[in-house]
């Protein structure tokens, strides 16, 4: 089972990300658990931190995606991190959170599927590697 947390203040975009993940055709829908969060604070307060993938919006009220990721990393949580944004472009400080990808909301559906296929592949690879430890 793959646990994917999506932290985004736009419910429509959360649904879009889920749809894109499924459109990669790289993972069976029955092996996915999605967790939806609408703020960085909500994600940081969640009791379940063993996510395989965390997709964070960079622009949210109060605690932005970078702050959220750094707080979770500081608590010792290891997960594949993907930032997404409609406005903010990657900046040097954001890479301290060790993201695997930085998705732009302006990507076409084809670009999103292509990027997400690489993300899903990396998530699966990391999960397999962890099971051998």
Protein backbone atom coordinates (compact mmCIF):
# COMPACT_ATOMS: atom_id res chain seq x y z
CA UNK A 1 0.00 0.00 0.00
CA UNK A 2 1.31 3.44 -0.96
CA UNK A 3 0.40 6.40 1.25
CA UNK A 4 0.26 9.74 -0.52
CA UNK A 5 -0.36 13.02 1.29
CA UNK A 6 -1.46 15.98 -0.80
CA UNK A 7 -1.36 19.33 0.96
CA UNK A 8 -3.07 21.99 -1.11
CA UNK A 9 -5.61 24.69 -0.24
CA UNK A 10 -7.59 24.02 -3.46
CA UNK A 11 -9.74 20.86 -3.29
CA UNK A 12 -10.10 20.87 -7.09
CA UNK A 13 -6.34 20.71 -7.51
CA UNK A 14 -6.09 17.83 -5.01
CA UNK A 15 -8.58 15.90 -7.15
CA UNK A 16 -6.58 16.80 -10.27
CA UNK A 17 -3.34 15.46 -8.74
CA UNK A 18 -5.06 12.20 -7.81
CA UNK A 19 -6.38 11.90 -11.37
CA UNK A 20 -2.90 12.54 -12.81
CA UNK A 21 -1.37 9.86 -10.56
CA UNK A 22 -3.94 7.35 -11.80
CA UNK A 23 -3.41 8.40 -15.44
CA UNK A 24 0.24 7.36 -15.22
CA UNK A 25 -1.07 3.76 -15.29
CA UNK A 26 1.92 2.81 -13.16
CA UNK A 27 0.08 1.91 -10.00
CA UNK A 28 -3.18 0.16 -9.18
CA UNK A 29 -5.79 2.42 -7.62
CA UNK A 30 -6.48 -0.24 -4.97
CA UNK A 31 -2.88 0.02 -3.70
CA UNK A 32 -3.15 3.76 -3.01
CA UNK A 33 -4.24 5.62 0.10
CA UNK A 34 -4.67 9.35 -0.37
CA UNK A 35 -4.60 11.78 2.52
CA UNK A 36 -5.87 15.30 1.90
CA UNK A 37 -4.71 18.33 3.83
CA UNK A 38 -5.72 21.94 3.23
CA UNK A 39 -2.95 23.64 5.22
CA UNK A 40 0.60 23.00 6.31
CA UNK A 41 -0.50 23.17 9.94
CA UNK A 42 -3.08 20.46 9.36
CA UNK A 43 -0.47 18.19 7.75
CA UNK A 44 2.06 18.75 10.54
CA UNK A 45 -0.60 17.90 13.14
CA UNK A 46 -1.59 14.66 11.42
CA UNK A 47 -0.83 11.56 13.41
CA UNK A 48 0.34 9.54 10.41
CA UNK A 49 3.78 10.49 9.16
CA UNK A 50 4.78 7.36 7.31
CA UNK A 51 3.82 8.74 3.91
CA UNK A 52 5.59 7.42 0.85
CA UNK A 53 4.96 10.65 -1.06
CA UNK A 54 4.09 14.17 0.09
CA UNK A 55 2.96 16.73 -2.49
CA UNK A 56 3.02 20.25 -1.07
CA UNK A 57 1.66 23.47 -2.47
CA UNK A 58 4.25 26.22 -2.05
CA UNK A 59 1.73 28.98 -1.43
CA UNK A 60 -0.65 28.43 1.46
CA UNK A 61 -1.97 30.61 4.25
CA UNK A 62 0.07 30.79 7.46
CA UNK A 63 2.64 28.00 6.87
CA UNK A 64 3.83 27.66 3.26
CA UNK A 65 5.04 24.46 1.63
CA UNK A 66 8.70 25.10 2.38
CA UNK A 67 8.05 25.73 6.08
CA UNK A 68 5.82 22.66 6.26
CA UNK A 69 8.44 20.43 4.62
CA UNK A 70 11.24 21.74 6.86
CA UNK A 71 9.16 21.19 9.99
CA UNK A 72 8.37 17.60 8.96
CA UNK A 73 12.00 16.93 8.03
CA UNK A 74 13.13 18.37 11.40
CA UNK A 75 10.86 15.83 13.09
CA UNK A 76 12.81 13.10 11.31
CA UNK A 77 10.24 12.08 8.75
CA UNK A 78 11.50 10.58 5.51
CA UNK A 79 9.29 10.73 2.44
CA UNK A 80 9.54 11.56 -1.22
CA UNK A 81 8.79 15.28 -1.44
CA UNK A 82 7.29 17.11 -4.39
CA UNK A 83 6.56 20.83 -4.36
CA UNK A 84 3.94 22.34 -6.65
CA UNK A 85 3.10 25.95 -7.34
CA UNK A 86 1.17 28.14 -9.69
CA UNK A 87 3.22 31.25 -9.09
CA UNK A 88 6.35 30.66 -7.06
CA UNK A 89 9.31 29.38 -9.03
CA UNK A 90 11.93 27.23 -7.28
CA UNK A 91 14.32 29.22 -5.14
CA UNK A 92 17.61 28.07 -3.62
CA UNK A 93 16.25 27.82 -0.08
CA UNK A 94 13.46 25.44 -1.18
CA UNK A 95 16.06 22.81 -2.09
CA UNK A 96 17.15 22.53 1.55
CA UNK A 97 13.94 20.55 2.05
CA UNK A 98 15.30 18.02 -0.46
CA UNK A 99 12.42 17.88 -2.97
CA UNK A 100 12.47 15.28 -5.72
CA UNK A 101 10.51 17.49 -8.13
CA UNK A 102 9.03 20.94 -8.39
CA UNK A 103 5.81 20.91 -10.41
CA UNK A 104 4.32 24.02 -11.92
CA UNK A 105 0.54 24.20 -12.07
CA UNK A 106 0.82 25.71 -15.55
CA UNK A 107 2.09 22.38 -16.94
CA UNK A 108 -0.10 20.77 -19.56
CA UNK A 109 -1.79 17.52 -18.62
CA UNK A 110 0.76 15.63 -20.72
CA UNK A 111 3.65 17.31 -18.91
CA UNK A 112 2.04 16.55 -15.54
CA UNK A 113 1.51 12.89 -16.42
CA UNK A 114 5.12 12.61 -17.61
CA UNK A 115 6.49 14.24 -14.44
CA UNK A 116 4.15 12.23 -12.22
CA UNK A 117 5.22 8.97 -13.89
CA UNK A 118 8.81 9.70 -12.82
CA UNK A 119 7.61 10.60 -9.32
CA UNK A 120 5.54 7.39 -9.00
CA UNK A 121 8.47 5.34 -10.29
CA UNK A 122 10.77 6.89 -7.68
CA UNK A 123 8.20 6.33 -4.92
CA UNK A 124 7.91 2.66 -5.86
CA UNK A 125 11.70 2.27 -6.04
CA UNK A 126 12.18 3.81 -2.59
CA UNK A 127 9.41 1.69 -1.08
CA UNK A 128 11.02 -1.49 -2.44
CA UNK A 129 14.41 -0.40 -1.09
CA UNK A 130 12.92 0.24 2.36
CA UNK A 131 11.34 -3.21 2.43
CA UNK A 132 14.79 -4.79 2.06
CA UNK A 133 16.12 -3.06 5.18
